[in-house]
C-alpha atoms as a PDB file:
ATOM      1  CA  MET A   1      -2.420   4.449 -36.562  1.00  0.00           C
ATOM      2  CA  ALA A   2      -2.246   7.079 -33.501  1.00  0.00           C
ATOM      3  CA  HIS A   3      -3.359   5.690 -30.074  1.00  0.00           C
ATOM      4  CA  SER A   4      -6.097   7.887 -27.994  1.00  0.00           C
ATOM      5  CA  HIS A   5      -5.482   8.310 -24.302  1.00  0.00           C
ATOM      6  CA  ASP A   6      -8.847   8.606 -22.364  1.00  0.00           C
ATOM      7  CA  ASN A   7      -7.475  10.367 -19.387  1.00  0.00           C
ATOM      8  CA  THR A   8     -10.534  11.580 -17.541  1.00  0.00           C
ATOM      9  CA  LYS A   9     -10.217   9.515 -14.113  1.00  0.00           C
ATOM     10  CA  LYS A  10      -7.298  11.464 -12.215  1.00  0.00           C
ATOM     11  CA  ARG A  11      -5.585   8.750  -9.994  1.00  0.00           C
ATOM     12  CA  THR A  12      -5.098   9.543  -6.033  1.00  0.00           C
ATOM     13  CA  PHE A  13      -2.464   9.141  -4.457  1.00  0.00           C
ATOM     14  CA  SER A  14      -1.413   9.250  -0.805  1.00  0.00           C
ATOM     15  CA  HIS A  15       1.157   8.780   1.367  1.00  0.00           C
ATOM     16  CA  LEU A  16       1.052   6.227   4.366  1.00  0.00           C
ATOM     17  CA  THR A  17       1.133   7.888   7.777  1.00  0.00           C
ATOM     18  CA  PRO A  18       3.106   6.446  10.689  1.00  0.00           C
ATOM     19  CA  TYR A  19       0.281   4.997  11.798  1.00  0.00           C
ATOM     20  CA  ASP A  20      -0.124   3.241   8.677  1.00  0.00           C
ATOM     21  CA  ARG A  21       3.075   1.812   9.492  1.00  0.00           C
ATOM     22  CA  GLY A  22       2.897   1.277  12.614  1.00  0.00           C
ATOM     23  CA  ARG A  23      -0.552  -1.060  11.991  1.00  0.00           C
ATOM     24  CA  ILE A  24       1.488  -2.895   9.086  1.00  0.00           C
ATOM     25  CA  GLY A  25       4.227  -3.769  11.318  1.00  0.00           C
ATOM     26  CA  ALA A  26       1.474  -5.213  14.147  1.00  0.00           C
ATOM     27  CA  LEU A  27      -0.559  -6.749  11.069  1.00  0.00           C
ATOM     28  CA  ARG A  28       2.686  -8.195  10.195  1.00  0.00           C
ATOM     29  CA  ASP A  29       3.788  -9.698  13.602  1.00  0.00           C
ATOM     30  CA  GLU A  30       0.284 -11.410  13.796  1.00  0.00           C
ATOM     31  CA  GLY A  31       1.217 -13.362  10.572  1.00  0.00           C
ATOM     32  CA  LYS A  32      -1.132 -12.145   8.281  1.00  0.00           C
ATOM     33  CA  THR A  33      -0.787 -11.485   4.732  1.00  0.00           C
ATOM     34  CA  LEU A  34       0.700  -8.932   2.568  1.00  0.00           C
ATOM     35  CA  GLN A  35      -3.098  -9.107   0.977  1.00  0.00           C
ATOM     36  CA  ALA A  36      -4.695  -9.034   4.496  1.00  0.00           C
ATOM     37  CA  ILE A  37      -2.971  -6.124   5.220  1.00  0.00           C
ATOM     38  CA  ALA A  38      -3.296  -4.480   2.352  1.00  0.00           C
ATOM     39  CA  ASP A  39      -7.370  -4.731   2.871  1.00  0.00           C
ATOM     40  CA  VAL A  40      -7.040  -3.441   6.165  1.00  0.00           C
ATOM     41  CA  ILE A  41      -4.939  -0.173   5.271  1.00  0.00           C
ATOM     42  CA  GLY A  42      -6.662   0.222   2.151  1.00  0.00           C
ATOM     43  CA  CYS A  43      -3.702   0.080  -0.395  1.00  0.00           C
ATOM     44  CA  HIS A  44      -2.028  -2.297  -2.652  1.00  0.00           C
ATOM     45  CA  LYS A  45      -0.309  -5.540  -1.721  1.00  0.00           C
ATOM     46  CA  SER A  46       2.758  -4.377  -3.432  1.00  0.00           C
ATOM     47  CA  THR A  47       3.100  -0.810  -1.480  1.00  0.00           C
ATOM     48  CA  ILE A  48       3.020  -2.776   1.808  1.00  0.00           C
ATOM     49  CA  SER A  49       5.627  -5.253   0.224  1.00  0.00           C
ATOM     50  CA  ARG A  50       7.609  -2.181  -0.494  1.00  0.00           C
ATOM     51  CA  GLU A  51       7.520  -0.643   3.217  1.00  0.00           C
ATOM     52  CA  LEU A  52       8.425  -3.869   4.411  1.00  0.00           C
ATOM     53  CA  LYS A  53      11.868  -3.858   2.685  1.00  0.00           C
ATOM     54  CA  ARG A  54      12.517  -0.386   2.924  1.00  0.00           C
ATOM     55  CA  GLY A  55      12.082  -0.914   6.696  1.00  0.00           C
ATOM     56  CA  THR A  56       9.568   2.003   7.322  1.00  0.00           C
ATOM     57  CA  VAL A  57       7.239   0.099   9.516  1.00  0.00           C
ATOM     58  CA  THR A  58       7.902   0.203  13.075  1.00  0.00           C
END
């Protein structure tokens, strides 16, 4: 049986701004968790983790 995919919802993605990266760094310096930072920034905690791993956070 073939599966039908209903893609009526369009995903939207946005890049983090330099300001967001600065906020990530500041919140991490305050000892905030990845989830707490993600809630403030408005993205998924894996996004925060990847940014920290890449070293793009100032």
